[in-house]
Amino acid sequence: MEKKTFNISNISCGHCTSAIENELSELPGVSGVRGDIESKSVTVEWEAPATLDQILATLKEINYPPAA
C-alpha cells in the first residue's frame, strides 16, 4: 500500500475537497482519499492497479494539480 500527501494550492472550500475525493475514489486501487481545506492538502492511499502517475494525471485533469 502506498500513501502520499499532495499539496494543492487551489483548494478553497469543501466543494474542492469533495470533488477531489470523489474523482480519486473512482480510480481502481485507491482505498482512501482525505482532503484538508486548512492545509490545502489531499492524502491518498492506493495499491495496484492504481499508480502515482495515474493519480497525478487525474488531479491535473480535474484542475487540482499538486504543487511541484
N, C-alpha and C. Protein backbone atom coordinates (compact mmCIF):
# COMPACT_ATOMS: atom_id res chain seq x y z
N MET A 1 0.85 -1.18 0.00
CA MET A 1 0.00 0.00 0.00
C MET A 1 0.89 1.23 0.00
N GLU A 2 0.54 2.14 -0.88
CA GLU A 2 1.26 3.42 -0.98
C GLU A 2 0.39 4.49 -0.32
N LYS A 3 1.06 5.52 0.19
CA LYS A 3 0.34 6.64 0.80
C LYS A 3 1.15 7.90 0.55
N LYS A 4 0.47 8.96 0.10
CA LYS A 4 1.17 10.20 -0.18
C LYS A 4 0.24 11.37 0.06
N THR A 5 0.81 12.46 0.57
CA THR A 5 0.06 13.69 0.75
C THR A 5 0.50 14.69 -0.32
N PHE A 6 -0.48 15.23 -1.02
CA PHE A 6 -0.23 16.19 -2.08
C PHE A 6 -0.65 17.57 -1.62
N ASN A 7 0.18 18.58 -1.85
CA ASN A 7 -0.19 19.96 -1.56
C ASN A 7 -0.83 20.54 -2.81
N ILE A 8 -2.06 21.02 -2.64
CA ILE A 8 -2.82 21.53 -3.78
C ILE A 8 -3.25 22.96 -3.44
N SER A 9 -2.59 23.91 -4.05
CA SER A 9 -2.75 25.31 -3.66
C SER A 9 -4.12 25.89 -3.96
N ASN A 10 -4.86 25.35 -4.92
CA ASN A 10 -6.14 25.96 -5.25
C ASN A 10 -7.33 25.31 -4.56
N ILE A 11 -7.11 24.57 -3.48
CA ILE A 11 -8.22 24.11 -2.65
C ILE A 11 -8.70 25.31 -1.84
N SER A 12 -10.00 25.64 -1.98
CA SER A 12 -10.51 26.80 -1.26
C SER A 12 -11.78 26.54 -0.45
N CYS A 13 -12.39 25.34 -0.64
CA CYS A 13 -13.64 25.09 0.07
C CYS A 13 -13.92 23.58 0.12
N GLY A 14 -15.00 23.25 0.81
CA GLY A 14 -15.38 21.85 0.92
C GLY A 14 -15.74 21.23 -0.42
N HIS A 15 -16.25 22.04 -1.32
CA HIS A 15 -16.58 21.52 -2.65
C HIS A 15 -15.31 21.02 -3.35
N CYS A 16 -14.23 21.75 -3.19
CA CYS A 16 -12.96 21.36 -3.81
C CYS A 16 -12.51 19.99 -3.28
N THR A 17 -12.51 19.83 -1.96
CA THR A 17 -12.06 18.56 -1.40
C THR A 17 -13.01 17.43 -1.78
N SER A 18 -14.31 17.72 -1.82
CA SER A 18 -15.28 16.69 -2.22
C SER A 18 -15.06 16.25 -3.66
N ALA A 19 -14.83 17.22 -4.54
CA ALA A 19 -14.59 16.90 -5.95
C ALA A 19 -13.35 16.02 -6.10
N ILE A 20 -12.29 16.38 -5.39
CA ILE A 20 -11.05 15.60 -5.46
C ILE A 20 -11.28 14.20 -4.89
N GLU A 21 -11.92 14.13 -3.72
CA GLU A 21 -12.16 12.83 -3.09
C GLU A 21 -13.01 11.94 -3.99
N ASN A 22 -14.06 12.50 -4.60
CA ASN A 22 -14.93 11.71 -5.47
C ASN A 22 -14.19 11.20 -6.70
N GLU A 23 -13.43 12.07 -7.34
CA GLU A 23 -12.73 11.67 -8.58
C GLU A 23 -11.66 10.62 -8.30
N LEU A 24 -10.86 10.83 -7.26
CA LEU A 24 -9.78 9.87 -6.98
C LEU A 24 -10.33 8.55 -6.46
N SER A 25 -11.43 8.59 -5.72
CA SER A 25 -12.01 7.35 -5.19
C SER A 25 -12.52 6.44 -6.29
N GLU A 26 -12.80 7.00 -7.46
CA GLU A 26 -13.29 6.19 -8.57
C GLU A 26 -12.18 5.40 -9.25
N LEU A 27 -10.93 5.73 -8.98
CA LEU A 27 -9.82 5.01 -9.60
C LEU A 27 -9.68 3.63 -8.95
N PRO A 28 -9.64 2.58 -9.76
CA PRO A 28 -9.44 1.23 -9.20
C PRO A 28 -8.10 1.16 -8.45
N GLY A 29 -8.15 0.69 -7.22
CA GLY A 29 -6.94 0.56 -6.40
C GLY A 29 -6.79 1.64 -5.36
N VAL A 30 -7.54 2.73 -5.49
CA VAL A 30 -7.49 3.80 -4.49
C VAL A 30 -8.40 3.41 -3.34
N SER A 31 -7.83 3.30 -2.14
CA SER A 31 -8.60 2.84 -0.99
C SER A 31 -8.94 3.95 -0.01
N GLY A 32 -8.29 5.10 -0.16
CA GLY A 32 -8.60 6.19 0.75
C GLY A 32 -8.17 7.53 0.20
N VAL A 33 -9.03 8.54 0.38
CA VAL A 33 -8.71 9.90 -0.04
C VAL A 33 -9.27 10.83 1.03
N ARG A 34 -8.40 11.69 1.55
CA ARG A 34 -8.85 12.61 2.59
C ARG A 34 -8.31 14.00 2.27
N GLY A 35 -9.21 14.93 2.05
CA GLY A 35 -8.80 16.30 1.76
C GLY A 35 -8.87 17.16 3.00
N ASP A 36 -8.00 18.16 3.07
CA ASP A 36 -7.99 19.09 4.20
C ASP A 36 -7.92 20.51 3.67
N ILE A 37 -8.97 21.28 3.95
CA ILE A 37 -9.05 22.64 3.43
C ILE A 37 -7.96 23.54 4.03
N GLU A 38 -7.78 23.47 5.34
CA GLU A 38 -6.84 24.38 6.00
C GLU A 38 -5.40 24.21 5.53
N SER A 39 -4.98 22.98 5.36
CA SER A 39 -3.60 22.75 4.92
C SER A 39 -3.49 22.69 3.40
N LYS A 40 -4.64 22.78 2.72
CA LYS A 40 -4.69 22.69 1.26
C LYS A 40 -3.95 21.44 0.77
N SER A 41 -4.34 20.32 1.36
CA SER A 41 -3.67 19.07 1.01
C SER A 41 -4.68 17.93 0.87
N VAL A 42 -4.23 16.90 0.17
CA VAL A 42 -5.03 15.69 -0.01
C VAL A 42 -4.10 14.50 0.23
N THR A 43 -4.54 13.59 1.10
CA THR A 43 -3.78 12.37 1.36
C THR A 43 -4.48 11.21 0.68
N VAL A 44 -3.71 10.46 -0.10
CA VAL A 44 -4.27 9.37 -0.90
C VAL A 44 -3.56 8.07 -0.52
N GLU A 45 -4.35 7.01 -0.36
CA GLU A 45 -3.82 5.66 -0.14
C GLU A 45 -4.23 4.81 -1.32
N TRP A 46 -3.28 4.05 -1.86
CA TRP A 46 -3.61 3.23 -3.03
C TRP A 46 -2.69 2.02 -3.13
N GLU A 47 -3.11 1.10 -3.97
CA GLU A 47 -2.30 -0.05 -4.34
C GLU A 47 -2.66 -0.41 -5.78
N ALA A 48 -1.92 -1.29 -6.40
CA ALA A 48 -2.16 -1.67 -7.80
C ALA A 48 -3.61 -2.11 -7.96
N PRO A 49 -4.24 -1.73 -9.04
CA PRO A 49 -3.66 -1.21 -10.28
C PRO A 49 -3.45 0.30 -10.31
N ALA A 50 -3.84 1.05 -9.28
CA ALA A 50 -3.62 2.49 -9.28
C ALA A 50 -2.12 2.79 -9.23
N THR A 51 -1.72 3.88 -9.84
CA THR A 51 -0.32 4.28 -9.82
C THR A 51 -0.22 5.77 -9.47
N LEU A 52 0.95 6.17 -9.03
CA LEU A 52 1.19 7.58 -8.72
C LEU A 52 0.96 8.43 -9.96
N ASP A 53 1.44 7.99 -11.10
CA ASP A 53 1.25 8.75 -12.34
C ASP A 53 -0.23 8.93 -12.66
N GLN A 54 -1.01 7.89 -12.44
CA GLN A 54 -2.45 7.95 -12.71
C GLN A 54 -3.12 8.95 -11.77
N ILE A 55 -2.73 8.96 -10.53
CA ILE A 55 -3.30 9.90 -9.55
C ILE A 55 -2.92 11.32 -9.92
N LEU A 56 -1.66 11.54 -10.26
CA LEU A 56 -1.22 12.88 -10.66
C LEU A 56 -1.96 13.35 -11.92
N ALA A 57 -2.15 12.45 -12.87
CA ALA A 57 -2.85 12.80 -14.11
C ALA A 57 -4.30 13.16 -13.82
N THR A 58 -4.93 12.44 -12.91
CA THR A 58 -6.33 12.72 -12.57
C THR A 58 -6.44 14.08 -11.88
N LEU A 59 -5.54 14.37 -10.96
CA LEU A 59 -5.57 15.67 -10.29
C LEU A 59 -5.39 16.81 -11.29
N LYS A 60 -4.49 16.62 -12.23
CA LYS A 60 -4.27 17.65 -13.26
C LYS A 60 -5.52 17.79 -14.14
N GLU A 61 -6.11 16.66 -14.50
CA GLU A 61 -7.28 16.66 -15.38
C GLU A 61 -8.47 17.40 -14.75
N ILE A 62 -8.64 17.31 -13.44
CA ILE A 62 -9.77 17.98 -12.78
C ILE A 62 -9.37 19.36 -12.25
N ASN A 63 -8.25 19.86 -12.71
CA ASN A 63 -7.78 21.22 -12.39
C ASN A 63 -7.38 21.43 -10.93
N TYR A 64 -6.88 20.38 -10.32
CA TYR A 64 -6.29 20.49 -8.98
C TYR A 64 -4.89 19.89 -8.99
N PRO A 65 -3.99 20.44 -9.82
CA PRO A 65 -2.65 19.86 -9.89
C PRO A 65 -1.89 20.10 -8.59
N PRO A 66 -1.16 19.11 -8.13
CA PRO A 66 -0.38 19.30 -6.91
C PRO A 66 0.80 20.24 -7.16
N ALA A 67 1.22 20.93 -6.09
CA ALA A 67 2.38 21.81 -6.19
C ALA A 67 3.61 20.97 -6.47
N ALA A 68 4.52 21.54 -7.23
CA ALA A 68 5.74 20.81 -7.60
C ALA A 68 6.68 20.68 -6.42
